């Protein structure tokens, strides 16, 4: 695992065309894309496929949290103030 001070924000920058960003949910939510990663790579499915993709006795945990704007302040051991602003 990388140490926090070794992480460079530039490593997380990539081109993402605006038309590839889902701004609204689909009318049929179960038609949403579902990406599955296995050793051979990533495969694309629909959410309706989930019951045949999950192993027997799997546990599903539903998350109904919302994204909010937030501003967090932290203080380093050196005394420097760090501000994280999430949109």
C-alpha atoms as a PDB file:
ATOM      1  CA  UNK A   1       0.000   0.000   0.000  1.00  0.00           C
ATOM      2  CA  UNK A   2       1.234   3.468  -0.857  1.00  0.00           C
ATOM      3  CA  UNK A   3       1.901   5.996   1.836  1.00  0.00           C
ATOM      4  CA  UNK A   4      -0.367   9.010   1.624  1.00  0.00           C
ATOM      5  CA  UNK A   5       2.538  11.375   1.002  1.00  0.00           C
ATOM      6  CA  UNK A   6       3.543   9.244  -2.029  1.00  0.00           C
ATOM      7  CA  UNK A   7       0.182   9.608  -3.803  1.00  0.00           C
ATOM      8  CA  UNK A   8       0.166  12.099  -6.661  1.00  0.00           C
ATOM      9  CA  UNK A   9      -3.182  13.584  -7.695  1.00  0.00           C
ATOM     10  CA  UNK A  10      -2.017  13.594 -11.333  1.00  0.00           C
ATOM     11  CA  UNK A  11      -2.222   9.787 -11.295  1.00  0.00           C
ATOM     12  CA  UNK A  12      -6.003  10.057 -10.940  1.00  0.00           C
ATOM     13  CA  UNK A  13      -6.579  12.479 -13.813  1.00  0.00           C
ATOM     14  CA  UNK A  14      -8.051  11.062 -17.001  1.00  0.00           C
ATOM     15  CA  UNK A  15     -10.188  12.352 -19.878  1.00  0.00           C
ATOM     16  CA  UNK A  16     -13.914  11.829 -19.292  1.00  0.00           C
ATOM     17  CA  UNK A  17     -16.187  13.223 -21.978  1.00  0.00           C
ATOM     18  CA  UNK A  18     -19.290  14.928 -20.587  1.00  0.00           C
ATOM     19  CA  UNK A  19     -21.593  12.651 -22.611  1.00  0.00           C
ATOM     20  CA  UNK A  20     -20.185   9.607 -20.741  1.00  0.00           C
ATOM     21  CA  UNK A  21     -21.349  10.905 -17.348  1.00  0.00           C
ATOM     22  CA  UNK A  22     -24.746   9.644 -16.160  1.00  0.00           C
ATOM     23  CA  UNK A  23     -26.577  12.721 -14.969  1.00  0.00           C
ATOM     24  CA  UNK A  24     -29.968  11.101 -14.339  1.00  0.00           C
ATOM     25  CA  UNK A  25     -31.038   7.550 -13.488  1.00  0.00           C
ATOM     26  CA  UNK A  26     -32.564   5.377 -16.186  1.00  0.00           C
ATOM     27  CA  UNK A  27     -36.347   5.034 -16.244  1.00  0.00           C
ATOM     28  CA  UNK A  28     -35.829   1.298 -15.762  1.00  0.00           C
ATOM     29  CA  UNK A  29     -33.221   1.239 -13.005  1.00  0.00           C
ATOM     30  CA  UNK A  30     -32.575  -2.500 -13.472  1.00  0.00           C
ATOM     31  CA  UNK A  31     -31.313  -1.699 -17.001  1.00  0.00           C
ATOM     32  CA  UNK A  32     -28.296   0.097 -15.491  1.00  0.00           C
ATOM     33  CA  UNK A  33     -24.852  -1.129 -16.456  1.00  0.00           C
ATOM     34  CA  UNK A  34     -23.063  -3.489 -14.114  1.00  0.00           C
ATOM     35  CA  UNK A  35     -19.307  -3.984 -14.427  1.00  0.00           C
ATOM     36  CA  UNK A  36     -17.840  -7.244 -13.162  1.00  0.00           C
ATOM     37  CA  UNK A  37     -14.116  -7.697 -12.574  1.00  0.00           C
ATOM     38  CA  UNK A  38     -12.623 -11.165 -12.634  1.00  0.00           C
ATOM     39  CA  UNK A  39      -9.056 -12.316 -13.174  1.00  0.00           C
ATOM     40  CA  UNK A  40      -9.484 -12.213 -16.941  1.00  0.00           C
ATOM     41  CA  UNK A  41     -10.630  -8.600 -16.892  1.00  0.00           C
ATOM     42  CA  UNK A  42     -13.748  -6.462 -16.775  1.00  0.00           C
ATOM     43  CA  UNK A  43     -17.021  -7.579 -18.345  1.00  0.00           C
ATOM     44  CA  UNK A  44     -20.155  -5.496 -18.849  1.00  0.00           C
ATOM     45  CA  UNK A  45     -23.593  -6.724 -17.797  1.00  0.00           C
ATOM     46  CA  UNK A  46     -26.954  -5.229 -16.875  1.00  0.00           C
ATOM     47  CA  UNK A  47     -28.184  -5.056 -13.301  1.00  0.00           C
ATOM     48  CA  UNK A  48     -30.890  -7.578 -14.197  1.00  0.00           C
ATOM     49  CA  UNK A  49     -28.057 -10.148 -14.477  1.00  0.00           C
ATOM     50  CA  UNK A  50     -27.010  -9.773 -10.835  1.00  0.00           C
ATOM     51  CA  UNK A  51     -28.806 -12.874  -9.522  1.00  0.00           C
ATOM     52  CA  UNK A  52     -26.910 -15.182 -11.869  1.00  0.00           C
ATOM     53  CA  UNK A  53     -23.578 -13.417 -11.226  1.00  0.00           C
ATOM     54  CA  UNK A  54     -23.590 -13.586  -7.423  1.00  0.00           C
ATOM     55  CA  UNK A  55     -22.346 -16.747  -5.730  1.00  0.00           C
ATOM     56  CA  UNK A  56     -24.871 -18.705  -3.670  1.00  0.00           C
ATOM     57  CA  UNK A  57     -25.423 -17.361  -0.120  1.00  0.00           C
ATOM     58  CA  UNK A  58     -24.106 -13.908  -1.042  1.00  0.00           C
ATOM     59  CA  UNK A  59     -25.074 -10.943   1.091  1.00  0.00           C
ATOM     60  CA  UNK A  60     -26.263  -7.731  -0.539  1.00  0.00           C
ATOM     61  CA  UNK A  61     -25.975  -4.513   1.440  1.00  0.00           C
ATOM     62  CA  UNK A  62     -28.022  -1.596   0.142  1.00  0.00           C
ATOM     63  CA  UNK A  63     -26.668   1.913   0.503  1.00  0.00           C
ATOM     64  CA  UNK A  64     -29.040   4.853   0.228  1.00  0.00           C
ATOM     65  CA  UNK A  65     -26.544   7.586   1.069  1.00  0.00           C
ATOM     66  CA  UNK A  66     -26.447  10.826  -0.881  1.00  0.00           C
ATOM     67  CA  UNK A  67     -23.485  12.844  -2.088  1.00  0.00           C
ATOM     68  CA  UNK A  68     -23.312  16.276  -0.499  1.00  0.00           C
ATOM     69  CA  UNK A  69     -21.001  19.215  -0.857  1.00  0.00           C
ATOM     70  CA  UNK A  70     -18.522  19.187   1.988  1.00  0.00           C
ATOM     71  CA  UNK A  71     -15.497  21.106   3.203  1.00  0.00           C
ATOM     72  CA  UNK A  72     -13.140  19.333   5.595  1.00  0.00           C
ATOM     73  CA  UNK A  73     -10.191  20.825   7.446  1.00  0.00           C
ATOM     74  CA  UNK A  74      -7.261  18.833   8.783  1.00  0.00           C
ATOM     75  CA  UNK A  75      -4.087  19.875  10.533  1.00  0.00           C
ATOM     76  CA  UNK A  76      -0.801  18.093   9.827  1.00  0.00           C
ATOM     77  CA  UNK A  77       1.705  17.354  12.561  1.00  0.00           C
ATOM     78  CA  UNK A  78       3.791  20.189  11.128  1.00  0.00           C
ATOM     79  CA  UNK A  79       0.949  22.613  11.848  1.00  0.00           C
ATOM     80  CA  UNK A  80      -0.011  23.079   8.201  1.00  0.00           C
ATOM     81  CA  UNK A  81      -3.732  23.343   7.506  1.00  0.00           C
ATOM     82  CA  UNK A  82      -5.186  21.063   4.814  1.00  0.00           C
ATOM     83  CA  UNK A  83      -8.573  21.788   3.289  1.00  0.00           C
ATOM     84  CA  UNK A  84     -10.509  19.236   1.236  1.00  0.00           C
ATOM     85  CA  UNK A  85     -13.478  20.607  -0.696  1.00  0.00           C
ATOM     86  CA  UNK A  86     -15.808  17.998  -2.189  1.00  0.00           C
ATOM     87  CA  UNK A  87     -18.389  18.951  -4.782  1.00  0.00           C
END
